[in-house]
């Protein structure tokens, strides 16, 4: 599952939310086991001919109880990554 994107400090944030466990063939999604989240941070298409983009997994040992919680956590995590990247290290260099 993916949700809409938003801009933060000139970068585009795309929350990525998905069920904790993959769907088995022939069965519906199992949302009872919670959700995991990642976030894609990218440059807008208008800044360069080939905009950069990276995906970061939101850290955590336990799944999020709802898709909304996971989406909010991925947005907050992206903002922390963007704010925390100093002048010597950017989000494009982080591991």
PDB file of N, CA and C in Angstrom:
ATOM      1  N   UNK A   1       0.836  -1.175   0.000  1.00  0.00           N
ATOM      2  CA  UNK A   1       0.000   0.000   0.000  1.00  0.00           C
ATOM      3  C   UNK A   1       0.879   1.234   0.000  1.00  0.00           C
ATOM      4  N   UNK A   2       0.453   2.230  -0.654  1.00  0.00           N
ATOM      5  CA  UNK A   2       1.164   3.489  -0.651  1.00  0.00           C
ATOM      6  C   UNK A   2       0.152   4.620  -0.549  1.00  0.00           C
ATOM      7  N   UNK A   3       0.581   5.713   0.014  1.00  0.00           N
ATOM      8  CA  UNK A   3      -0.308   6.843   0.208  1.00  0.00           C
ATOM      9  C   UNK A   3       0.237   8.045  -0.535  1.00  0.00           C
ATOM     10  N   UNK A   4      -0.464   9.143  -0.446  1.00  0.00           N
ATOM     11  CA  UNK A   4      -0.064  10.340  -1.167  1.00  0.00           C
ATOM     12  C   UNK A   4       1.242  10.899  -0.618  1.00  0.00           C
ATOM     13  N   UNK A   5       1.888  11.702  -1.432  1.00  0.00           N
ATOM     14  CA  UNK A   5       3.164  12.285  -1.042  1.00  0.00           C
ATOM     15  C   UNK A   5       2.959  13.720  -0.570  1.00  0.00           C
ATOM     16  N   UNK A   6       4.013  14.256   0.030  1.00  0.00           N
ATOM     17  CA  UNK A   6       4.006  15.643   0.446  1.00  0.00           C
ATOM     18  C   UNK A   6       5.419  16.175   0.344  1.00  0.00           C
ATOM     19  N   UNK A   7       5.562  17.491   0.373  1.00  0.00           N
ATOM     20  CA  UNK A   7       6.877  18.117   0.289  1.00  0.00           C
ATOM     21  C   UNK A   7       7.320  18.595   1.667  1.00  0.00           C
ATOM     22  N   UNK A   8       8.613  18.450   1.934  1.00  0.00           N
ATOM     23  CA  UNK A   8       9.210  18.933   3.174  1.00  0.00           C
ATOM     24  C   UNK A   8      10.612  19.435   2.853  1.00  0.00           C
ATOM     25  N   UNK A   9      10.851  20.700   3.075  1.00  0.00           N
ATOM     26  CA  UNK A   9      12.146  21.339   2.821  1.00  0.00           C
ATOM     27  C   UNK A   9      12.659  21.061   1.410  1.00  0.00           C
ATOM     28  N   UNK A  10      11.774  21.114   0.457  1.00  0.00           N
ATOM     29  CA  UNK A  10      12.148  20.950  -0.940  1.00  0.00           C
ATOM     30  C   UNK A  10      12.281  19.524  -1.424  1.00  0.00           C
ATOM     31  N   UNK A  11      12.027  18.553  -0.564  1.00  0.00           N
ATOM     32  CA  UNK A  11      12.106  17.147  -0.952  1.00  0.00           C
ATOM     33  C   UNK A  11      10.719  16.525  -0.870  1.00  0.00           C
ATOM     34  N   UNK A  12      10.502  15.520  -1.685  1.00  0.00           N
ATOM     35  CA  UNK A  12       9.218  14.835  -1.705  1.00  0.00           C
ATOM     36  C   UNK A  12       9.273  13.614  -0.794  1.00  0.00           C
ATOM     37  N   UNK A  13       8.253  13.464   0.045  1.00  0.00           N
ATOM     38  CA  UNK A  13       8.163  12.349   0.985  1.00  0.00           C
ATOM     39  C   UNK A  13       7.004  11.462   0.562  1.00  0.00           C
ATOM     40  N   UNK A  14       7.286  10.169   0.375  1.00  0.00           N
ATOM     41  CA  UNK A  14       6.272   9.186  -0.005  1.00  0.00           C
ATOM     42  C   UNK A  14       6.204   8.108   1.073  1.00  0.00           C
ATOM     43  N   UNK A  15       5.218   8.152   1.969  1.00  0.00           N
ATOM     44  CA  UNK A  15       5.083   7.071   2.954  1.00  0.00           C
ATOM     45  C   UNK A  15       4.720   5.759   2.262  1.00  0.00           C
ATOM     46  N   UNK A  16       5.339   4.672   2.677  1.00  0.00           N
ATOM     47  CA  UNK A  16       5.078   3.344   2.127  1.00  0.00           C
ATOM     48  C   UNK A  16       4.640   2.448   3.281  1.00  0.00           C
ATOM     49  N   UNK A  17       3.410   1.974   3.245  1.00  0.00           N
ATOM     50  CA  UNK A  17       2.833   1.181   4.329  1.00  0.00           C
ATOM     51  C   UNK A  17       2.390  -0.155   3.751  1.00  0.00           C
ATOM     52  N   UNK A  18       2.695  -1.239   4.475  1.00  0.00           N
ATOM     53  CA  UNK A  18       2.359  -2.570   3.973  1.00  0.00           C
ATOM     54  C   UNK A  18       2.100  -3.509   5.148  1.00  0.00           C
ATOM     55  N   UNK A  19       1.310  -4.563   4.922  1.00  0.00           N
ATOM     56  CA  UNK A  19       1.022  -5.524   5.999  1.00  0.00           C
ATOM     57  C   UNK A  19       2.306  -6.165   6.518  1.00  0.00           C
ATOM     58  N   UNK A  20       2.328  -6.488   7.782  1.00  0.00           N
ATOM     59  CA  UNK A  20       3.516  -7.073   8.429  1.00  0.00           C
ATOM     60  C   UNK A  20       3.959  -8.363   7.740  1.00  0.00           C
ATOM     61  N   UNK A  21       3.007  -9.212   7.383  1.00  0.00           N
ATOM     62  CA  UNK A  21       3.324 -10.469   6.714  1.00  0.00           C
ATOM     63  C   UNK A  21       2.712 -10.474   5.317  1.00  0.00           C
ATOM     64  N   UNK A  22       3.449 -11.047   4.390  1.00  0.00           N
ATOM     65  CA  UNK A  22       2.992 -11.103   3.006  1.00  0.00           C
ATOM     66  C   UNK A  22       1.719 -11.935   2.886  1.00  0.00           C
ATOM     67  N   UNK A  23       0.948 -11.622   1.903  1.00  0.00           N
ATOM     68  CA  UNK A  23      -0.307 -12.332   1.637  1.00  0.00           C
ATOM     69  C   UNK A  23      -0.004 -13.701   1.054  1.00  0.00           C
ATOM     70  N   UNK A  24      -0.702 -14.713   1.535  1.00  0.00           N
ATOM     71  CA  UNK A  24      -0.566 -16.051   0.987  1.00  0.00           C
ATOM     72  C   UNK A  24      -1.519 -16.200  -0.191  1.00  0.00           C
ATOM     73  N   UNK A  25      -1.124 -16.962  -1.171  1.00  0.00           N
ATOM     74  CA  UNK A  25      -1.953 -17.191  -2.344  1.00  0.00           C
ATOM     75  C   UNK A  25      -3.295 -17.778  -1.938  1.00  0.00           C
ATOM     76  N   UNK A  26      -4.353 -17.179  -2.426  1.00  0.00           N
ATOM     77  CA  UNK A  26      -5.690 -17.668  -2.142  1.00  0.00           C
ATOM     78  C   UNK A  26      -6.315 -17.111  -0.882  1.00  0.00           C
ATOM     79  N   UNK A  27      -5.590 -16.286  -0.157  1.00  0.00           N
ATOM     80  CA  UNK A  27      -6.094 -15.696   1.083  1.00  0.00           C
ATOM     81  C   UNK A  27      -6.090 -14.178   0.966  1.00  0.00           C
ATOM     82  N   UNK A  28      -6.932 -13.539   1.743  1.00  0.00           N
ATOM     83  CA  UNK A  28      -6.950 -12.079   1.793  1.00  0.00           C
ATOM     84  C   UNK A  28      -5.792 -11.553   2.629  1.00  0.00           C
ATOM     85  N   UNK A  29      -5.640 -10.240   2.631  1.00  0.00           N
ATOM     86  CA  UNK A  29      -4.591  -9.628   3.443  1.00  0.00           C
ATOM     87  C   UNK A  29      -4.859  -9.859   4.919  1.00  0.00           C
ATOM     88  N   UNK A  30      -3.804 -10.044   5.683  1.00  0.00           N
ATOM     89  CA  UNK A  30      -3.924 -10.245   7.115  1.00  0.00           C
ATOM     90  C   UNK A  30      -3.502  -8.959   7.825  1.00  0.00           C
ATOM     91  N   UNK A  31      -4.465  -8.066   8.034  1.00  0.00           N
ATOM     92  CA  UNK A  31      -4.164  -6.797   8.682  1.00  0.00           C
ATOM     93  C   UNK A  31      -4.123  -6.926  10.202  1.00  0.00           C
ATOM     94  N   UNK A  32      -4.552  -8.041  10.739  1.00  0.00           N
ATOM     95  CA  UNK A  32      -4.569  -8.228  12.188  1.00  0.00           C
ATOM     96  C   UNK A  32      -3.161  -8.282  12.786  1.00  0.00           C
ATOM     97  N   UNK A  33      -2.174  -8.634  11.990  1.00  0.00           N
ATOM     98  CA  UNK A  33      -0.807  -8.745  12.491  1.00  0.00           C
ATOM     99  C   UNK A  33      -0.056  -7.424  12.428  1.00  0.00           C
ATOM    100  N   UNK A  34      -0.720  -6.375  12.005  1.00  0.00           N
ATOM    101  CA  UNK A  34      -0.125  -5.043  11.995  1.00  0.00           C
ATOM    102  C   UNK A  34       0.537  -4.678  10.681  1.00  0.00           C
ATOM    103  N   UNK A  35       1.218  -3.548  10.709  1.00  0.00           N
ATOM    104  CA  UNK A  35       1.804  -2.965   9.504  1.00  0.00           C
ATOM    105  C   UNK A  35       3.260  -2.576   9.737  1.00  0.00           C
ATOM    106  N   UNK A  36       4.040  -2.626   8.671  1.00  0.00           N
ATOM    107  CA  UNK A  36       5.393  -2.100   8.653  1.00  0.00           C
ATOM    108  C   UNK A  36       5.388  -0.869   7.757  1.00  0.00           C
ATOM    109  N   UNK A  37       6.442  -0.062   7.869  1.00  0.00           N
ATOM    110  CA  UNK A  37       6.478   1.173   7.084  1.00  0.00           C
ATOM    111  C   UNK A  37       7.884   1.477   6.609  1.00  0.00           C
ATOM    112  N   UNK A  38       7.945   2.106   5.472  1.00  0.00           N
ATOM    113  CA  UNK A  38       9.167   2.659   4.913  1.00  0.00           C
ATOM    114  C   UNK A  38       8.798   4.033   4.379  1.00  0.00           C
ATOM    115  N   UNK A  39       9.797   4.753   3.924  1.00  0.00           N
ATOM    116  CA  UNK A  39       9.526   6.061   3.330  1.00  0.00           C
ATOM    117  C   UNK A  39      10.492   6.278   2.174  1.00  0.00           C
ATOM    118  N   UNK A  40       9.971   6.801   1.078  1.00  0.00           N
ATOM    119  CA  UNK A  40      10.816   7.165  -0.064  1.00  0.00           C
ATOM    120  C   UNK A  40      10.985   8.676  -0.021  1.00  0.00           C
ATOM    121  N   UNK A  41      12.227   9.124  -0.046  1.00  0.00           N
ATOM    122  CA  UNK A  41      12.540  10.545  -0.101  1.00  0.00           C
ATOM    123  C   UNK A  41      13.164  10.793  -1.461  1.00  0.00           C
ATOM    124  N   UNK A  42      12.630  11.764  -2.173  1.00  0.00           N
ATOM    125  CA  UNK A  42      13.141  12.021  -3.519  1.00  0.00           C
ATOM    126  C   UNK A  42      13.170  13.508  -3.819  1.00  0.00           C
ATOM    127  N   UNK A  43      14.007  13.844  -4.773  1.00  0.00           N
ATOM    128  CA  UNK A  43      14.039  15.213  -5.266  1.00  0.00           C
ATOM    129  C   UNK A  43      12.873  15.392  -6.234  1.00  0.00           C
ATOM    130  N   UNK A  44      12.304  16.566  -6.278  1.00  0.00           N
ATOM    131  CA  UNK A  44      11.238  16.802  -7.266  1.00  0.00           C
ATOM    132  C   UNK A  44      11.782  16.641  -8.683  1.00  0.00           C
ATOM    133  N   UNK A  45      10.941  16.211  -9.597  1.00  0.00           N
ATOM    134  CA  UNK A  45      11.364  15.991 -10.986  1.00  0.00           C
ATOM    135  C   UNK A  45      11.886  17.251 -11.655  1.00  0.00           C
ATOM    136  N   UNK A  46      11.500  18.403 -11.171  1.00  0.00           N
ATOM    137  CA  UNK A  46      11.865  19.655 -11.823  1.00  0.00           C
ATOM    138  C   UNK A  46      13.267  20.128 -11.479  1.00  0.00           C
ATOM    139  N   UNK A  47      13.906  19.561 -10.443  1.00  0.00           N
ATOM    140  CA  UNK A  47      15.219  20.074 -10.027  1.00  0.00           C
ATOM    141  C   UNK A  47      16.361  19.613 -10.938  1.00  0.00           C
ATOM    142  N   UNK A  48      16.324  18.389 -11.405  1.00  0.00           N
ATOM    143  CA  UNK A  48      17.389  17.876 -12.273  1.00  0.00           C
ATOM    144  C   UNK A  48      16.787  16.951 -13.323  1.00  0.00           C
ATOM    145  N   UNK A  49      17.613  16.563 -14.279  1.00  0.00           N
ATOM    146  CA  UNK A  49      17.153  15.624 -15.302  1.00  0.00           C
ATOM    147  C   UNK A  49      16.967  14.228 -14.734  1.00  0.00           C
ATOM    148  N   UNK A  50      17.783  13.869 -13.749  1.00  0.00           N
ATOM    149  CA  UNK A  50      17.653  12.555 -13.118  1.00  0.00           C
ATOM    150  C   UNK A  50      17.595  12.743 -11.597  1.00  0.00           C
ATOM    151  N   UNK A  51      16.387  12.952 -11.068  1.00  0.00           N
ATOM    152  CA  UNK A  51      16.261  13.193  -9.621  1.00  0.00           C
ATOM    153  C   UNK A  51      16.679  11.976  -8.804  1.00  0.00           C
ATOM    154  N   UNK A  52      17.281  12.249  -7.644  1.00  0.00           N
ATOM    155  CA  UNK A  52      17.701  11.181  -6.741  1.00  0.00           C
ATOM    156  C   UNK A  52      16.521  10.748  -5.879  1.00  0.00           C
ATOM    157  N   UNK A  53      16.582   9.488  -5.446  1.00  0.00           N
ATOM    158  CA  UNK A  53      15.527   8.927  -4.610  1.00  0.00           C
ATOM    159  C   UNK A  53      16.107   7.792  -3.780  1.00  0.00           C
ATOM    160  N   UNK A  54      15.679   7.714  -2.509  1.00  0.00           N
ATOM    161  CA  UNK A  54      16.101   6.610  -1.634  1.00  0.00           C
ATOM    162  C   UNK A  54      14.931   6.167  -0.790  1.00  0.00           C
ATOM    163  N   UNK A  55      14.941   4.891  -0.431  1.00  0.00           N
ATOM    164  CA  UNK A  55      13.915   4.333   0.452  1.00  0.00           C
ATOM    165  C   UNK A  55      14.579   3.964   1.768  1.00  0.00           C
ATOM    166  N   UNK A  56      13.941   4.375   2.871  1.00  0.00           N
ATOM    167  CA  UNK A  56      14.420   4.076   4.216  1.00  0.00           C
ATOM    168  C   UNK A  56      13.338   3.319   4.956  1.00  0.00           C
ATOM    169  N   UNK A  57      13.715   2.257   5.614  1.00  0.00           N
ATOM    170  CA  UNK A  57      12.759   1.509   6.433  1.00  0.00           C
ATOM    171  C   UNK A  57      12.634   2.188   7.790  1.00  0.00           C
ATOM    172  N   UNK A  58      11.412   2.370   8.250  1.00  0.00           N
ATOM    173  CA  UNK A  58      11.179   2.972   9.561  1.00  0.00           C
ATOM    174  C   UNK A  58      11.590   1.945  10.618  1.00  0.00           C
ATOM    175  N   UNK A  59      12.516   2.312  11.521  1.00  0.00           N
ATOM    176  CA  UNK A  59      12.977   1.345  12.513  1.00  0.00           C
ATOM    177  C   UNK A  59      11.893   1.020  13.538  1.00  0.00           C
ATOM    178  N   UNK A  60      11.950  -0.176  14.042  1.00  0.00           N
ATOM    179  CA  UNK A  60      11.011  -0.608  15.067  1.00  0.00           C
ATOM    180  C   UNK A  60      10.961  -2.108  15.139  1.00  0.00           C
ATOM    181  N   UNK A  61      10.803  -2.621  16.347  1.00  0.00           N
ATOM    182  CA  UNK A  61      10.766  -4.060  16.523  1.00  0.00           C
ATOM    183  C   UNK A  61       9.357  -4.617  16.422  1.00  0.00           C
ATOM    184  N   UNK A  62       8.365  -3.781  16.735  1.00  0.00           N
ATOM    185  CA  UNK A  62       6.977  -4.256  16.725  1.00  0.00           C
ATOM    186  C   UNK A  62       6.214  -3.588  15.579  1.00  0.00           C
ATOM    187  N   UNK A  63       5.213  -4.248  15.054  1.00  0.00           N
ATOM    188  CA  UNK A  63       4.442  -3.656  13.969  1.00  0.00           C
ATOM    189  C   UNK A  63       3.552  -2.518  14.477  1.00  0.00           C
ATOM    190  N   UNK A  64       3.170  -1.645  13.560  1.00  0.00           N
ATOM    191  CA  UNK A  64       2.217  -0.587  13.871  1.00  0.00           C
ATOM    192  C   UNK A  64       0.825  -1.193  13.897  1.00  0.00           C
ATOM    193  N   UNK A  65      -0.024  -0.718  14.790  1.00  0.00           N
ATOM    194  CA  UNK A  65      -1.368  -1.267  14.945  1.00  0.00           C
ATOM    195  C   UNK A  65      -2.298  -0.911  13.791  1.00  0.00           C
ATOM    196  N   UNK A  66      -2.065   0.237  13.159  1.00  0.00           N
ATOM    197  CA  UNK A  66      -2.938   0.644  12.057  1.00  0.00           C
ATOM    198  C   UNK A  66      -2.106   1.237  10.931  1.00  0.00           C
ATOM    199  N   UNK A  67      -2.699   1.280   9.745  1.00  0.00           N
ATOM    200  CA  UNK A  67      -2.024   1.865   8.589  1.00  0.00           C
ATOM    201  C   UNK A  67      -1.786   3.357   8.813  1.00  0.00           C
ATOM    202  N   UNK A  68      -2.707   4.016   9.490  1.00  0.00           N
ATOM    203  CA  UNK A  68      -2.548   5.440   9.783  1.00  0.00           C
ATOM    204  C   UNK A  68      -1.361   5.702  10.685  1.00  0.00           C
ATOM    205  N   UNK A  69      -1.183   4.867  11.713  1.00  0.00           N
ATOM    206  CA  UNK A  69      -0.023   5.008  12.598  1.00  0.00           C
ATOM    207  C   UNK A  69       1.271   4.822  11.811  1.00  0.00           C
ATOM    208  N   UNK A  70       1.298   3.845  10.935  1.00  0.00           N
ATOM    209  CA  UNK A  70       2.491   3.570  10.132  1.00  0.00           C
ATOM    210  C   UNK A  70       2.783   4.727   9.182  1.00  0.00           C
ATOM    211  N   UNK A  71       1.750   5.287   8.578  1.00  0.00           N
ATOM    212  CA  UNK A  71       1.915   6.416   7.653  1.00  0.00           C
ATOM    213  C   UNK A  71       2.460   7.640   8.395  1.00  0.00           C
ATOM    214  N   UNK A  72       1.907   7.940   9.556  1.00  0.00           N
ATOM    215  CA  UNK A  72       2.386   9.084  10.337  1.00  0.00           C
ATOM    216  C   UNK A  72       3.832   8.871  10.784  1.00  0.00           C
ATOM    217  N   UNK A  73       4.170   7.660  11.202  1.00  0.00           N
ATOM    218  CA  UNK A  73       5.533   7.366  11.642  1.00  0.00           C
ATOM    219  C   UNK A  73       6.529   7.511  10.489  1.00  0.00           C
ATOM    220  N   UNK A  74       6.133   7.103   9.295  1.00  0.00           N
ATOM    221  CA  UNK A  74       7.053   7.221   8.158  1.00  0.00           C
ATOM    222  C   UNK A  74       7.278   8.684   7.790  1.00  0.00           C
ATOM    223  N   UNK A  75       6.245   9.510   7.904  1.00  0.00           N
ATOM    224  CA  UNK A  75       6.399  10.936   7.620  1.00  0.00           C
ATOM    225  C   UNK A  75       7.306  11.604   8.648  1.00  0.00           C
ATOM    226  N   UNK A  76       7.105  11.297   9.914  1.00  0.00           N
ATOM    227  CA  UNK A  76       7.943  11.860  10.981  1.00  0.00           C
ATOM    228  C   UNK A  76       9.391  11.397  10.814  1.00  0.00           C
ATOM    229  N   UNK A  77       9.578  10.124  10.488  1.00  0.00           N
ATOM    230  CA  UNK A  77      10.927   9.591  10.305  1.00  0.00           C
ATOM    231  C   UNK A  77      11.632  10.293   9.145  1.00  0.00           C
ATOM    232  N   UNK A  78      10.920  10.528   8.056  1.00  0.00           N
ATOM    233  CA  UNK A  78      11.511  11.232   6.912  1.00  0.00           C
ATOM    234  C   UNK A  78      11.929  12.645   7.307  1.00  0.00           C
ATOM    235  N   UNK A  79      11.082  13.345   8.047  1.00  0.00           N
ATOM    236  CA  UNK A  79      11.423  14.698   8.485  1.00  0.00           C
ATOM    237  C   UNK A  79      12.655  14.683   9.384  1.00  0.00           C
ATOM    238  N   UNK A  80      12.763  13.686  10.252  1.00  0.00           N
ATOM    239  CA  UNK A  80      13.943  13.570  11.116  1.00  0.00           C
ATOM    240  C   UNK A  80      15.199  13.313  10.290  1.00  0.00           C
ATOM    241  N   UNK A  81      15.094  12.459   9.270  1.00  0.00           N
ATOM    242  CA  UNK A  81      16.242  12.195   8.405  1.00  0.00           C
ATOM    243  C   UNK A  81      16.674  13.458   7.674  1.00  0.00           C
ATOM    244  N   UNK A  82      15.700  14.196   7.158  1.00  0.00           N
ATOM    245  CA  UNK A  82      16.010  15.418   6.413  1.00  0.00           C
ATOM    246  C   UNK A  82      16.605  16.466   7.342  1.00  0.00           C
ATOM    247  N   UNK A  83      16.012  16.659   8.506  1.00  0.00           N
ATOM    248  CA  UNK A  83      16.515  17.648   9.467  1.00  0.00           C
ATOM    249  C   UNK A  83      17.862  17.248  10.040  1.00  0.00           C
ATOM    250  N   UNK A  84      18.093  15.956  10.209  1.00  0.00           N
ATOM    251  CA  UNK A  84      19.314  15.475  10.834  1.00  0.00           C
ATOM    252  C   UNK A  84      20.512  15.409   9.916  1.00  0.00           C
ATOM    253  N   UNK A  85      20.302  15.543   8.618  1.00  0.00           N
ATOM    254  CA  UNK A  85      21.444  15.470   7.703  1.00  0.00           C
ATOM    255  C   UNK A  85      22.185  16.800   7.748  1.00  0.00           C
ATOM    256  N   UNK A  86      23.415  16.748   8.228  1.00  0.00           N
ATOM    257  CA  UNK A  86      24.223  17.955   8.336  1.00  0.00           C
ATOM    258  C   UNK A  86      24.772  18.370   6.985  1.00  0.00           C
ATOM    259  N   UNK A  87      25.547  19.421   6.973  1.00  0.00           N
ATOM    260  CA  UNK A  87      26.086  19.919   5.712  1.00  0.00           C
ATOM    261  C   UNK A  87      27.101  18.958   5.104  1.00  0.00           C
ATOM    262  N   UNK A  88      27.805  18.186   5.941  1.00  0.00           N
ATOM    263  CA  UNK A  88      28.803  17.253   5.419  1.00  0.00           C
ATOM    264  C   UNK A  88      28.184  15.945   4.948  1.00  0.00           C
ATOM    265  N   UNK A  89      27.014  15.607   5.482  1.00  0.00           N
ATOM    266  CA  UNK A  89      26.373  14.342   5.120  1.00  0.00           C
ATOM    267  C   UNK A  89      24.920  14.610   4.772  1.00  0.00           C
ATOM    268  N   UNK A  90      24.491  14.135   3.646  1.00  0.00           N
ATOM    269  CA  UNK A  90      23.110  14.328   3.236  1.00  0.00           C
ATOM    270  C   UNK A  90      22.357  13.014   3.357  1.00  0.00           C
ATOM    271  N   UNK A  91      21.072  13.072   3.162  1.00  0.00           N
ATOM    272  CA  UNK A  91      20.283  11.835   3.212  1.00  0.00           C
ATOM    273  C   UNK A  91      20.688  10.870   2.108  1.00  0.00           C
ATOM    274  N   UNK A  92      21.312  11.382   1.072  1.00  0.00           N
ATOM    275  CA  UNK A  92      21.721  10.509  -0.038  1.00  0.00           C
ATOM    276  C   UNK A  92      22.938   9.676   0.361  1.00  0.00           C
ATOM    277  N   UNK A  93      23.670  10.093   1.406  1.00  0.00           N
ATOM    278  CA  UNK A  93      24.865   9.384   1.846  1.00  0.00           C
ATOM    279  C   UNK A  93      24.602   8.476   3.044  1.00  0.00           C
ATOM    280  N   UNK A  94      23.470   8.633   3.730  1.00  0.00           N
ATOM    281  CA  UNK A  94      23.182   7.868   4.939  1.00  0.00           C
ATOM    282  C   UNK A  94      22.961   6.399   4.614  1.00  0.00           C
ATOM    283  N   UNK A  95      23.226   5.559   5.636  1.00  0.00           N
ATOM    284  CA  UNK A  95      22.996   4.123   5.458  1.00  0.00           C
ATOM    285  C   UNK A  95      21.773   3.688   6.185  1.00  0.00           C
TER     286      UNK A  95
END
